[in-house]
PDBML (XML) file of the C-alpha atoms, coordinates in Angstrom:
<?xml version="1.0" encoding="UTF-8" ?>
<PDBx:datablock datablockName="MODEL"
   xmlns:PDBx="http://pdbml.pdb.org/schema/pdbx-v50.xsd"
   xmlns:xsi="http://www.w3.org/2001/XMLSchema-instance"
   xsi:schemaLocation="http://pdbml.pdb.org/schema/pdbx-v50.xsd pdbx-v50.xsd">
   <PDBx:atom_siteCategory>
      <PDBx:atom_site id="1">
         <PDBx:B_iso_or_equiv>0.00</PDBx:B_iso_or_equiv>
         <PDBx:Cartn_x>-12.353</PDBx:Cartn_x>
         <PDBx:Cartn_y>-9.549</PDBx:Cartn_y>
         <PDBx:Cartn_z>-7.446</PDBx:Cartn_z>
         <PDBx:auth_asym_id>A</PDBx:auth_asym_id>
         <PDBx:auth_atom_id>CA</PDBx:auth_atom_id>
         <PDBx:auth_comp_id>ASP</PDBx:auth_comp_id>
         <PDBx:auth_seq_id>1</PDBx:auth_seq_id>
         <PDBx:group_PDB>ATOM</PDBx:group_PDB>
         <PDBx:label_alt_id xsi:nil="true" />
         <PDBx:label_asym_id>A</PDBx:label_asym_id>
         <PDBx:label_atom_id>CA</PDBx:label_atom_id>
         <PDBx:label_comp_id>ASP</PDBx:label_comp_id>
         <PDBx:label_entity_id>1</PDBx:label_entity_id>
         <PDBx:label_seq_id>1</PDBx:label_seq_id>
         <PDBx:occupancy>1.00</PDBx:occupancy>
         <PDBx:pdbx_PDB_model_num>1</PDBx:pdbx_PDB_model_num>
         <PDBx:type_symbol>C</PDBx:type_symbol>
      </PDBx:atom_site>
      <PDBx:atom_site id="2">
         <PDBx:B_iso_or_equiv>0.00</PDBx:B_iso_or_equiv>
         <PDBx:Cartn_x>-8.657</PDBx:Cartn_x>
         <PDBx:Cartn_y>-8.461</PDBx:Cartn_y>
         <PDBx:Cartn_z>-7.176</PDBx:Cartn_z>
         <PDBx:auth_asym_id>A</PDBx:auth_asym_id>
         <PDBx:auth_atom_id>CA</PDBx:auth_atom_id>
         <PDBx:auth_comp_id>TYR</PDBx:auth_comp_id>
         <PDBx:auth_seq_id>2</PDBx:auth_seq_id>
         <PDBx:group_PDB>ATOM</PDBx:group_PDB>
         <PDBx:label_alt_id xsi:nil="true" />
         <PDBx:label_asym_id>A</PDBx:label_asym_id>
         <PDBx:label_atom_id>CA</PDBx:label_atom_id>
         <PDBx:label_comp_id>TYR</PDBx:label_comp_id>
         <PDBx:label_entity_id>1</PDBx:label_entity_id>
         <PDBx:label_seq_id>2</PDBx:label_seq_id>
         <PDBx:occupancy>1.00</PDBx:occupancy>
         <PDBx:pdbx_PDB_model_num>1</PDBx:pdbx_PDB_model_num>
         <PDBx:type_symbol>C</PDBx:type_symbol>
      </PDBx:atom_site>
      <PDBx:atom_site id="3">
         <PDBx:B_iso_or_equiv>0.00</PDBx:B_iso_or_equiv>
         <PDBx:Cartn_x>-7.797</PDBx:Cartn_x>
         <PDBx:Cartn_y>-9.733</PDBx:Cartn_y>
         <PDBx:Cartn_z>-4.102</PDBx:Cartn_z>
         <PDBx:auth_asym_id>A</PDBx:auth_asym_id>
         <PDBx:auth_atom_id>CA</PDBx:auth_atom_id>
         <PDBx:auth_comp_id>SER</PDBx:auth_comp_id>
         <PDBx:auth_seq_id>3</PDBx:auth_seq_id>
         <PDBx:group_PDB>ATOM</PDBx:group_PDB>
         <PDBx:label_alt_id xsi:nil="true" />
         <PDBx:label_asym_id>A</PDBx:label_asym_id>
         <PDBx:label_atom_id>CA</PDBx:label_atom_id>
         <PDBx:label_comp_id>SER</PDBx:label_comp_id>
         <PDBx:label_entity_id>1</PDBx:label_entity_id>
         <PDBx:label_seq_id>3</PDBx:label_seq_id>
         <PDBx:occupancy>1.00</PDBx:occupancy>
         <PDBx:pdbx_PDB_model_num>1</PDBx:pdbx_PDB_model_num>
         <PDBx:type_symbol>C</PDBx:type_symbol>
      </PDBx:atom_site>
      <PDBx:atom_site id="4">
         <PDBx:B_iso_or_equiv>0.00</PDBx:B_iso_or_equiv>
         <PDBx:Cartn_x>-8.660</PDBx:Cartn_x>
         <PDBx:Cartn_y>-13.275</PDBx:Cartn_y>
         <PDBx:Cartn_z>-4.945</PDBx:Cartn_z>
         <PDBx:auth_asym_id>A</PDBx:auth_asym_id>
         <PDBx:auth_atom_id>CA</PDBx:auth_atom_id>
         <PDBx:auth_comp_id>ILE</PDBx:auth_comp_id>
         <PDBx:auth_seq_id>4</PDBx:auth_seq_id>
         <PDBx:group_PDB>ATOM</PDBx:group_PDB>
         <PDBx:label_alt_id xsi:nil="true" />
         <PDBx:label_asym_id>A</PDBx:label_asym_id>
         <PDBx:label_atom_id>CA</PDBx:label_atom_id>
         <PDBx:label_comp_id>ILE</PDBx:label_comp_id>
         <PDBx:label_entity_id>1</PDBx:label_entity_id>
         <PDBx:label_seq_id>4</PDBx:label_seq_id>
         <PDBx:occupancy>1.00</PDBx:occupancy>
         <PDBx:pdbx_PDB_model_num>1</PDBx:pdbx_PDB_model_num>
         <PDBx:type_symbol>C</PDBx:type_symbol>
      </PDBx:atom_site>
      <PDBx:atom_site id="5">
         <PDBx:B_iso_or_equiv>0.00</PDBx:B_iso_or_equiv>
         <PDBx:Cartn_x>-8.185</PDBx:Cartn_x>
         <PDBx:Cartn_y>-13.381</PDBx:Cartn_y>
         <PDBx:Cartn_z>-8.522</PDBx:Cartn_z>
         <PDBx:auth_asym_id>A</PDBx:auth_asym_id>
         <PDBx:auth_atom_id>CA</PDBx:auth_atom_id>
         <PDBx:auth_comp_id>LYS</PDBx:auth_comp_id>
         <PDBx:auth_seq_id>5</PDBx:auth_seq_id>
         <PDBx:group_PDB>ATOM</PDBx:group_PDB>
         <PDBx:label_alt_id xsi:nil="true" />
         <PDBx:label_asym_id>A</PDBx:label_asym_id>
         <PDBx:label_atom_id>CA</PDBx:label_atom_id>
         <PDBx:label_comp_id>LYS</PDBx:label_comp_id>
         <PDBx:label_entity_id>1</PDBx:label_entity_id>
         <PDBx:label_seq_id>5</PDBx:label_seq_id>
         <PDBx:occupancy>1.00</PDBx:occupancy>
         <PDBx:pdbx_PDB_model_num>1</PDBx:pdbx_PDB_model_num>
         <PDBx:type_symbol>C</PDBx:type_symbol>
      </PDBx:atom_site>
      <PDBx:atom_site id="6">
         <PDBx:B_iso_or_equiv>0.00</PDBx:B_iso_or_equiv>
         <PDBx:Cartn_x>-5.094</PDBx:Cartn_x>
         <PDBx:Cartn_y>-11.044</PDBx:Cartn_y>
         <PDBx:Cartn_z>-8.606</PDBx:Cartn_z>
         <PDBx:auth_asym_id>A</PDBx:auth_asym_id>
         <PDBx:auth_atom_id>CA</PDBx:auth_atom_id>
         <PDBx:auth_comp_id>ILE</PDBx:auth_comp_id>
         <PDBx:auth_seq_id>6</PDBx:auth_seq_id>
         <PDBx:group_PDB>ATOM</PDBx:group_PDB>
         <PDBx:label_alt_id xsi:nil="true" />
         <PDBx:label_asym_id>A</PDBx:label_asym_id>
         <PDBx:label_atom_id>CA</PDBx:label_atom_id>
         <PDBx:label_comp_id>ILE</PDBx:label_comp_id>
         <PDBx:label_entity_id>1</PDBx:label_entity_id>
         <PDBx:label_seq_id>6</PDBx:label_seq_id>
         <PDBx:occupancy>1.00</PDBx:occupancy>
         <PDBx:pdbx_PDB_model_num>1</PDBx:pdbx_PDB_model_num>
         <PDBx:type_symbol>C</PDBx:type_symbol>
      </PDBx:atom_site>
      <PDBx:atom_site id="7">
         <PDBx:B_iso_or_equiv>0.00</PDBx:B_iso_or_equiv>
         <PDBx:Cartn_x>-3.577</PDBx:Cartn_x>
         <PDBx:Cartn_y>-10.505</PDBx:Cartn_y>
         <PDBx:Cartn_z>-5.268</PDBx:Cartn_z>
         <PDBx:auth_asym_id>A</PDBx:auth_asym_id>
         <PDBx:auth_atom_id>CA</PDBx:auth_atom_id>
         <PDBx:auth_comp_id>HIS</PDBx:auth_comp_id>
         <PDBx:auth_seq_id>7</PDBx:auth_seq_id>
         <PDBx:group_PDB>ATOM</PDBx:group_PDB>
         <PDBx:label_alt_id xsi:nil="true" />
         <PDBx:label_asym_id>A</PDBx:label_asym_id>
         <PDBx:label_atom_id>CA</PDBx:label_atom_id>
         <PDBx:label_comp_id>HIS</PDBx:label_comp_id>
         <PDBx:label_entity_id>1</PDBx:label_entity_id>
         <PDBx:label_seq_id>7</PDBx:label_seq_id>
         <PDBx:occupancy>1.00</PDBx:occupancy>
         <PDBx:pdbx_PDB_model_num>1</PDBx:pdbx_PDB_model_num>
         <PDBx:type_symbol>C</PDBx:type_symbol>
      </PDBx:atom_site>
      <PDBx:atom_site id="8">
         <PDBx:B_iso_or_equiv>0.00</PDBx:B_iso_or_equiv>
         <PDBx:Cartn_x>-3.708</PDBx:Cartn_x>
         <PDBx:Cartn_y>-13.846</PDBx:Cartn_y>
         <PDBx:Cartn_z>-3.187</PDBx:Cartn_z>
         <PDBx:auth_asym_id>A</PDBx:auth_asym_id>
         <PDBx:auth_atom_id>CA</PDBx:auth_atom_id>
         <PDBx:auth_comp_id>GLN</PDBx:auth_comp_id>
         <PDBx:auth_seq_id>8</PDBx:auth_seq_id>
         <PDBx:group_PDB>ATOM</PDBx:group_PDB>
         <PDBx:label_alt_id xsi:nil="true" />
         <PDBx:label_asym_id>A</PDBx:label_asym_id>
         <PDBx:label_atom_id>CA</PDBx:label_atom_id>
         <PDBx:label_comp_id>GLN</PDBx:label_comp_id>
         <PDBx:label_entity_id>1</PDBx:label_entity_id>
         <PDBx:label_seq_id>8</PDBx:label_seq_id>
         <PDBx:occupancy>1.00</PDBx:occupancy>
         <PDBx:pdbx_PDB_model_num>1</PDBx:pdbx_PDB_model_num>
         <PDBx:type_symbol>C</PDBx:type_symbol>
      </PDBx:atom_site>
      <PDBx:atom_site id="9">
         <PDBx:B_iso_or_equiv>0.00</PDBx:B_iso_or_equiv>
         <PDBx:Cartn_x>-1.163</PDBx:Cartn_x>
         <PDBx:Cartn_y>-16.269</PDBx:Cartn_y>
         <PDBx:Cartn_z>-3.560</PDBx:Cartn_z>
         <PDBx:auth_asym_id>A</PDBx:auth_asym_id>
         <PDBx:auth_atom_id>CA</PDBx:auth_atom_id>
         <PDBx:auth_comp_id>ASN</PDBx:auth_comp_id>
         <PDBx:auth_seq_id>9</PDBx:auth_seq_id>
         <PDBx:group_PDB>ATOM</PDBx:group_PDB>
         <PDBx:label_alt_id xsi:nil="true" />
         <PDBx:label_asym_id>A</PDBx:label_asym_id>
         <PDBx:label_atom_id>CA</PDBx:label_atom_id>
         <PDBx:label_comp_id>ASN</PDBx:label_comp_id>
         <PDBx:label_entity_id>1</PDBx:label_entity_id>
         <PDBx:label_seq_id>9</PDBx:label_seq_id>
         <PDBx:occupancy>1.00</PDBx:occupancy>
         <PDBx:pdbx_PDB_model_num>1</PDBx:pdbx_PDB_model_num>
         <PDBx:type_symbol>C</PDBx:type_symbol>
      </PDBx:atom_site>
      <PDBx:atom_site id="10">
         <PDBx:B_iso_or_equiv>0.00</PDBx:B_iso_or_equiv>
         <PDBx:Cartn_x>-2.639</PDBx:Cartn_x>
         <PDBx:Cartn_y>-19.199</PDBx:Cartn_y>
         <PDBx:Cartn_z>-5.227</PDBx:Cartn_z>
         <PDBx:auth_asym_id>A</PDBx:auth_asym_id>
         <PDBx:auth_atom_id>CA</PDBx:auth_atom_id>
         <PDBx:auth_comp_id>PRO</PDBx:auth_comp_id>
         <PDBx:auth_seq_id>10</PDBx:auth_seq_id>
         <PDBx:group_PDB>ATOM</PDBx:group_PDB>
         <PDBx:label_alt_id xsi:nil="true" />
         <PDBx:label_asym_id>A</PDBx:label_asym_id>
         <PDBx:label_atom_id>CA</PDBx:label_atom_id>
         <PDBx:label_comp_id>PRO</PDBx:label_comp_id>
         <PDBx:label_entity_id>1</PDBx:label_entity_id>
         <PDBx:label_seq_id>10</PDBx:label_seq_id>
         <PDBx:occupancy>1.00</PDBx:occupancy>
         <PDBx:pdbx_PDB_model_num>1</PDBx:pdbx_PDB_model_num>
         <PDBx:type_symbol>C</PDBx:type_symbol>
      </PDBx:atom_site>
      <PDBx:atom_site id="11">
         <PDBx:B_iso_or_equiv>0.00</PDBx:B_iso_or_equiv>
         <PDBx:Cartn_x>-3.965</PDBx:Cartn_x>
         <PDBx:Cartn_y>-21.138</PDBx:Cartn_y>
         <PDBx:Cartn_z>-2.302</PDBx:Cartn_z>
         <PDBx:auth_asym_id>A</PDBx:auth_asym_id>
         <PDBx:auth_atom_id>CA</PDBx:auth_atom_id>
         <PDBx:auth_comp_id>TYR</PDBx:auth_comp_id>
         <PDBx:auth_seq_id>11</PDBx:auth_seq_id>
         <PDBx:group_PDB>ATOM</PDBx:group_PDB>
         <PDBx:label_alt_id xsi:nil="true" />
         <PDBx:label_asym_id>A</PDBx:label_asym_id>
         <PDBx:label_atom_id>CA</PDBx:label_atom_id>
         <PDBx:label_comp_id>TYR</PDBx:label_comp_id>
         <PDBx:label_entity_id>1</PDBx:label_entity_id>
         <PDBx:label_seq_id>11</PDBx:label_seq_id>
         <PDBx:occupancy>1.00</PDBx:occupancy>
         <PDBx:pdbx_PDB_model_num>1</PDBx:pdbx_PDB_model_num>
         <PDBx:type_symbol>C</PDBx:type_symbol>
      </PDBx:atom_site>
      <PDBx:atom_site id="12">
         <PDBx:B_iso_or_equiv>0.00</PDBx:B_iso_or_equiv>
         <PDBx:Cartn_x>-2.528</PDBx:Cartn_x>
         <PDBx:Cartn_y>-19.313</PDBx:Cartn_y>
         <PDBx:Cartn_z>0.353</PDBx:Cartn_z>
         <PDBx:auth_asym_id>A</PDBx:auth_asym_id>
         <PDBx:auth_atom_id>CA</PDBx:auth_atom_id>
         <PDBx:auth_comp_id>GLY</PDBx:auth_comp_id>
         <PDBx:auth_seq_id>12</PDBx:auth_seq_id>
         <PDBx:group_PDB>ATOM</PDBx:group_PDB>
         <PDBx:label_alt_id xsi:nil="true" />
         <PDBx:label_asym_id>A</PDBx:label_asym_id>
         <PDBx:label_atom_id>CA</PDBx:label_atom_id>
         <PDBx:label_comp_id>GLY</PDBx:label_comp_id>
         <PDBx:label_entity_id>1</PDBx:label_entity_id>
         <PDBx:label_seq_id>12</PDBx:label_seq_id>
         <PDBx:occupancy>1.00</PDBx:occupancy>
         <PDBx:pdbx_PDB_model_num>1</PDBx:pdbx_PDB_model_num>
         <PDBx:type_symbol>C</PDBx:type_symbol>
      </PDBx:atom_site>
      <PDBx:atom_site id="13">
         <PDBx:B_iso_or_equiv>0.00</PDBx:B_iso_or_equiv>
         <PDBx:Cartn_x>-2.615</PDBx:Cartn_x>
         <PDBx:Cartn_y>-15.332</PDBx:Cartn_y>
         <PDBx:Cartn_z>1.629</PDBx:Cartn_z>
         <PDBx:auth_asym_id>A</PDBx:auth_asym_id>
         <PDBx:auth_atom_id>CA</PDBx:auth_atom_id>
         <PDBx:auth_comp_id>GLY</PDBx:auth_comp_id>
         <PDBx:auth_seq_id>13</PDBx:auth_seq_id>
         <PDBx:group_PDB>ATOM</PDBx:group_PDB>
         <PDBx:label_alt_id xsi:nil="true" />
         <PDBx:label_asym_id>A</PDBx:label_asym_id>
         <PDBx:label_atom_id>CA</PDBx:label_atom_id>
         <PDBx:label_comp_id>GLY</PDBx:label_comp_id>
         <PDBx:label_entity_id>1</PDBx:label_entity_id>
         <PDBx:label_seq_id>13</PDBx:label_seq_id>
         <PDBx:occupancy>1.00</PDBx:occupancy>
         <PDBx:pdbx_PDB_model_num>1</PDBx:pdbx_PDB_model_num>
         <PDBx:type_symbol>C</PDBx:type_symbol>
      </PDBx:atom_site>
      <PDBx:atom_site id="14">
         <PDBx:B_iso_or_equiv>0.00</PDBx:B_iso_or_equiv>
         <PDBx:Cartn_x>-1.570</PDBx:Cartn_x>
         <PDBx:Cartn_y>-12.329</PDBx:Cartn_y>
         <PDBx:Cartn_z>1.327</PDBx:Cartn_z>
         <PDBx:auth_asym_id>A</PDBx:auth_asym_id>
         <PDBx:auth_atom_id>CA</PDBx:auth_atom_id>
         <PDBx:auth_comp_id>TRP</PDBx:auth_comp_id>
         <PDBx:auth_seq_id>14</PDBx:auth_seq_id>
         <PDBx:group_PDB>ATOM</PDBx:group_PDB>
         <PDBx:label_alt_id xsi:nil="true" />
         <PDBx:label_asym_id>A</PDBx:label_asym_id>
         <PDBx:label_atom_id>CA</PDBx:label_atom_id>
         <PDBx:label_comp_id>TRP</PDBx:label_comp_id>
         <PDBx:label_entity_id>1</PDBx:label_entity_id>
         <PDBx:label_seq_id>14</PDBx:label_seq_id>
         <PDBx:occupancy>1.00</PDBx:occupancy>
         <PDBx:pdbx_PDB_model_num>1</PDBx:pdbx_PDB_model_num>
         <PDBx:type_symbol>C</PDBx:type_symbol>
      </PDBx:atom_site>
      <PDBx:atom_site id="15">
         <PDBx:B_iso_or_equiv>0.00</PDBx:B_iso_or_equiv>
         <PDBx:Cartn_x>1.608</PDBx:Cartn_x>
         <PDBx:Cartn_y>-9.915</PDBx:Cartn_y>
         <PDBx:Cartn_z>1.648</PDBx:Cartn_z>
         <PDBx:auth_asym_id>A</PDBx:auth_asym_id>
         <PDBx:auth_atom_id>CA</PDBx:auth_atom_id>
         <PDBx:auth_comp_id>ARG</PDBx:auth_comp_id>
         <PDBx:auth_seq_id>15</PDBx:auth_seq_id>
         <PDBx:group_PDB>ATOM</PDBx:group_PDB>
         <PDBx:label_alt_id xsi:nil="true" />
         <PDBx:label_asym_id>A</PDBx:label_asym_id>
         <PDBx:label_atom_id>CA</PDBx:label_atom_id>
         <PDBx:label_comp_id>ARG</PDBx:label_comp_id>
         <PDBx:label_entity_id>1</PDBx:label_entity_id>
         <PDBx:label_seq_id>15</PDBx:label_seq_id>
         <PDBx:occupancy>1.00</PDBx:occupancy>
         <PDBx:pdbx_PDB_model_num>1</PDBx:pdbx_PDB_model_num>
         <PDBx:type_symbol>C</PDBx:type_symbol>
      </PDBx:atom_site>
      <PDBx:atom_site id="16">
         <PDBx:B_iso_or_equiv>0.00</PDBx:B_iso_or_equiv>
         <PDBx:Cartn_x>2.383</PDBx:Cartn_x>
         <PDBx:Cartn_y>-6.456</PDBx:Cartn_y>
         <PDBx:Cartn_z>-0.092</PDBx:Cartn_z>
         <PDBx:auth_asym_id>A</PDBx:auth_asym_id>
         <PDBx:auth_atom_id>CA</PDBx:auth_atom_id>
         <PDBx:auth_comp_id>TYR</PDBx:auth_comp_id>
         <PDBx:auth_seq_id>16</PDBx:auth_seq_id>
         <PDBx:group_PDB>ATOM</PDBx:group_PDB>
         <PDBx:label_alt_id xsi:nil="true" />
         <PDBx:label_asym_id>A</PDBx:label_asym_id>
         <PDBx:label_atom_id>CA</PDBx:label_atom_id>
         <PDBx:label_comp_id>TYR</PDBx:label_comp_id>
         <PDBx:label_entity_id>1</PDBx:label_entity_id>
         <PDBx:label_seq_id>16</PDBx:label_seq_id>
         <PDBx:occupancy>1.00</PDBx:occupancy>
         <PDBx:pdbx_PDB_model_num>1</PDBx:pdbx_PDB_model_num>
         <PDBx:type_symbol>C</PDBx:type_symbol>
      </PDBx:atom_site>
      <PDBx:atom_site id="17">
         <PDBx:B_iso_or_equiv>0.00</PDBx:B_iso_or_equiv>
         <PDBx:Cartn_x>2.979</PDBx:Cartn_x>
         <PDBx:Cartn_y>-7.505</PDBx:Cartn_y>
         <PDBx:Cartn_z>-3.429</PDBx:Cartn_z>
         <PDBx:auth_asym_id>A</PDBx:auth_asym_id>
         <PDBx:auth_atom_id>CA</PDBx:auth_atom_id>
         <PDBx:auth_comp_id>ASP</PDBx:auth_comp_id>
         <PDBx:auth_seq_id>17</PDBx:auth_seq_id>
         <PDBx:group_PDB>ATOM</PDBx:group_PDB>
         <PDBx:label_alt_id xsi:nil="true" />
         <PDBx:label_asym_id>A</PDBx:label_asym_id>
         <PDBx:label_atom_id>CA</PDBx:label_atom_id>
         <PDBx:label_comp_id>ASP</PDBx:label_comp_id>
         <PDBx:label_entity_id>1</PDBx:label_entity_id>
         <PDBx:label_seq_id>17</PDBx:label_seq_id>
         <PDBx:occupancy>1.00</PDBx:occupancy>
         <PDBx:pdbx_PDB_model_num>1</PDBx:pdbx_PDB_model_num>
         <PDBx:type_symbol>C</PDBx:type_symbol>
      </PDBx:atom_site>
      <PDBx:atom_site id="18">
         <PDBx:B_iso_or_equiv>0.00</PDBx:B_iso_or_equiv>
         <PDBx:Cartn_x>1.135</PDBx:Cartn_x>
         <PDBx:Cartn_y>-10.135</PDBx:Cartn_y>
         <PDBx:Cartn_z>-5.738</PDBx:Cartn_z>
         <PDBx:auth_asym_id>A</PDBx:auth_asym_id>
         <PDBx:auth_atom_id>CA</PDBx:auth_atom_id>
         <PDBx:auth_comp_id>ALA</PDBx:auth_comp_id>
         <PDBx:auth_seq_id>18</PDBx:auth_seq_id>
         <PDBx:group_PDB>ATOM</PDBx:group_PDB>
         <PDBx:label_alt_id xsi:nil="true" />
         <PDBx:label_asym_id>A</PDBx:label_asym_id>
         <PDBx:label_atom_id>CA</PDBx:label_atom_id>
         <PDBx:label_comp_id>ALA</PDBx:label_comp_id>
         <PDBx:label_entity_id>1</PDBx:label_entity_id>
         <PDBx:label_seq_id>18</PDBx:label_seq_id>
         <PDBx:occupancy>1.00</PDBx:occupancy>
         <PDBx:pdbx_PDB_model_num>1</PDBx:pdbx_PDB_model_num>
         <PDBx:type_symbol>C</PDBx:type_symbol>
      </PDBx:atom_site>
      <PDBx:atom_site id="19">
         <PDBx:B_iso_or_equiv>0.00</PDBx:B_iso_or_equiv>
         <PDBx:Cartn_x>0.980</PDBx:Cartn_x>
         <PDBx:Cartn_y>-13.538</PDBx:Cartn_y>
         <PDBx:Cartn_z>-5.671</PDBx:Cartn_z>
         <PDBx:auth_asym_id>A</PDBx:auth_asym_id>
         <PDBx:auth_atom_id>CA</PDBx:auth_atom_id>
         <PDBx:auth_comp_id>LYS</PDBx:auth_comp_id>
         <PDBx:auth_seq_id>19</PDBx:auth_seq_id>
         <PDBx:group_PDB>ATOM</PDBx:group_PDB>
         <PDBx:label_alt_id xsi:nil="true" />
         <PDBx:label_asym_id>A</PDBx:label_asym_id>
         <PDBx:label_atom_id>CA</PDBx:label_atom_id>
         <PDBx:label_comp_id>LYS</PDBx:label_comp_id>
         <PDBx:label_entity_id>1</PDBx:label_entity_id>
         <PDBx:label_seq_id>19</PDBx:label_seq_id>
         <PDBx:occupancy>1.00</PDBx:occupancy>
         <PDBx:pdbx_PDB_model_num>1</PDBx:pdbx_PDB_model_num>
         <PDBx:type_symbol>C</PDBx:type_symbol>
      </PDBx:atom_site>
      <PDBx:atom_site id="20">
         <PDBx:B_iso_or_equiv>0.00</PDBx:B_iso_or_equiv>
         <PDBx:Cartn_x>4.567</PDBx:Cartn_x>
         <PDBx:Cartn_y>-13.366</PDBx:Cartn_y>
         <PDBx:Cartn_z>-3.314</PDBx:Cartn_z>
         <PDBx:auth_asym_id>A</PDBx:auth_asym_id>
         <PDBx:auth_atom_id>CA</PDBx:auth_atom_id>
         <PDBx:auth_comp_id>VAL</PDBx:auth_comp_id>
         <PDBx:auth_seq_id>20</PDBx:auth_seq_id>
         <PDBx:group_PDB>ATOM</PDBx:group_PDB>
         <PDBx:label_alt_id xsi:nil="true" />
         <PDBx:label_asym_id>A</PDBx:label_asym_id>
         <PDBx:label_atom_id>CA</PDBx:label_atom_id>
         <PDBx:label_comp_id>VAL</PDBx:label_comp_id>
         <PDBx:label_entity_id>1</PDBx:label_entity_id>
         <PDBx:label_seq_id>20</PDBx:label_seq_id>
         <PDBx:occupancy>1.00</PDBx:occupancy>
         <PDBx:pdbx_PDB_model_num>1</PDBx:pdbx_PDB_model_num>
         <PDBx:type_symbol>C</PDBx:type_symbol>
      </PDBx:atom_site>
      <PDBx:atom_site id="21">
         <PDBx:B_iso_or_equiv>0.00</PDBx:B_iso_or_equiv>
         <PDBx:Cartn_x>4.558</PDBx:Cartn_x>
         <PDBx:Cartn_y>-15.477</PDBx:Cartn_y>
         <PDBx:Cartn_z>0.203</PDBx:Cartn_z>
         <PDBx:auth_asym_id>A</PDBx:auth_asym_id>
         <PDBx:auth_atom_id>CA</PDBx:auth_atom_id>
         <PDBx:auth_comp_id>SER</PDBx:auth_comp_id>
         <PDBx:auth_seq_id>21</PDBx:auth_seq_id>
         <PDBx:group_PDB>ATOM</PDBx:group_PDB>
         <PDBx:label_alt_id xsi:nil="true" />
         <PDBx:label_asym_id>A</PDBx:label_asym_id>
         <PDBx:label_atom_id>CA</PDBx:label_atom_id>
         <PDBx:label_comp_id>SER</PDBx:label_comp_id>
         <PDBx:label_entity_id>1</PDBx:label_entity_id>
         <PDBx:label_seq_id>21</PDBx:label_seq_id>
         <PDBx:occupancy>1.00</PDBx:occupancy>
         <PDBx:pdbx_PDB_model_num>1</PDBx:pdbx_PDB_model_num>
         <PDBx:type_symbol>C</PDBx:type_symbol>
      </PDBx:atom_site>
      <PDBx:atom_site id="22">
         <PDBx:B_iso_or_equiv>0.00</PDBx:B_iso_or_equiv>
         <PDBx:Cartn_x>2.353</PDBx:Cartn_x>
         <PDBx:Cartn_y>-14.593</PDBx:Cartn_y>
         <PDBx:Cartn_z>2.167</PDBx:Cartn_z>
         <PDBx:auth_asym_id>A</PDBx:auth_asym_id>
         <PDBx:auth_atom_id>CA</PDBx:auth_atom_id>
         <PDBx:auth_comp_id>GLU</PDBx:auth_comp_id>
         <PDBx:auth_seq_id>22</PDBx:auth_seq_id>
         <PDBx:group_PDB>ATOM</PDBx:group_PDB>
         <PDBx:label_alt_id xsi:nil="true" />
         <PDBx:label_asym_id>A</PDBx:label_asym_id>
         <PDBx:label_atom_id>CA</PDBx:label_atom_id>
         <PDBx:label_comp_id>GLU</PDBx:label_comp_id>
         <PDBx:label_entity_id>1</PDBx:label_entity_id>
         <PDBx:label_seq_id>22</PDBx:label_seq_id>
         <PDBx:occupancy>1.00</PDBx:occupancy>
         <PDBx:pdbx_PDB_model_num>1</PDBx:pdbx_PDB_model_num>
         <PDBx:type_symbol>C</PDBx:type_symbol>
      </PDBx:atom_site>
      <PDBx:atom_site id="23">
         <PDBx:B_iso_or_equiv>0.00</PDBx:B_iso_or_equiv>
         <PDBx:Cartn_x>2.098</PDBx:Cartn_x>
         <PDBx:Cartn_y>-12.999</PDBx:Cartn_y>
         <PDBx:Cartn_z>6.105</PDBx:Cartn_z>
         <PDBx:auth_asym_id>A</PDBx:auth_asym_id>
         <PDBx:auth_atom_id>CA</PDBx:auth_atom_id>
         <PDBx:auth_comp_id>ASP</PDBx:auth_comp_id>
         <PDBx:auth_seq_id>23</PDBx:auth_seq_id>
         <PDBx:group_PDB>ATOM</PDBx:group_PDB>
         <PDBx:label_alt_id xsi:nil="true" />
         <PDBx:label_asym_id>A</PDBx:label_asym_id>
         <PDBx:label_atom_id>CA</PDBx:label_atom_id>
         <PDBx:label_comp_id>ASP</PDBx:label_comp_id>
         <PDBx:label_entity_id>1</PDBx:label_entity_id>
         <PDBx:label_seq_id>23</PDBx:label_seq_id>
         <PDBx:occupancy>1.00</PDBx:occupancy>
         <PDBx:pdbx_PDB_model_num>1</PDBx:pdbx_PDB_model_num>
         <PDBx:type_symbol>C</PDBx:type_symbol>
      </PDBx:atom_site>
      <PDBx:atom_site id="24">
         <PDBx:B_iso_or_equiv>0.00</PDBx:B_iso_or_equiv>
         <PDBx:Cartn_x>-0.224</PDBx:Cartn_x>
         <PDBx:Cartn_y>-13.199</PDBx:Cartn_y>
         <PDBx:Cartn_z>8.674</PDBx:Cartn_z>
         <PDBx:auth_asym_id>A</PDBx:auth_asym_id>
         <PDBx:auth_atom_id>CA</PDBx:auth_atom_id>
         <PDBx:auth_comp_id>THR</PDBx:auth_comp_id>
         <PDBx:auth_seq_id>24</PDBx:auth_seq_id>
         <PDBx:group_PDB>ATOM</PDBx:group_PDB>
         <PDBx:label_alt_id xsi:nil="true" />
         <PDBx:label_asym_id>A</PDBx:label_asym_id>
         <PDBx:label_atom_id>CA</PDBx:label_atom_id>
         <PDBx:label_comp_id>THR</PDBx:label_comp_id>
         <PDBx:label_entity_id>1</PDBx:label_entity_id>
         <PDBx:label_seq_id>24</PDBx:label_seq_id>
         <PDBx:occupancy>1.00</PDBx:occupancy>
         <PDBx:pdbx_PDB_model_num>1</PDBx:pdbx_PDB_model_num>
         <PDBx:type_symbol>C</PDBx:type_symbol>
      </PDBx:atom_site>
   </PDBx:atom_siteCategory>
</PDBx:datablock>
């Protein structure tokens, strides 16, 4: 739940911080 609701950039992927521009 944390991964999707809190950390994932909306409609995108993930990076070090929550909800920031993603990296592969």
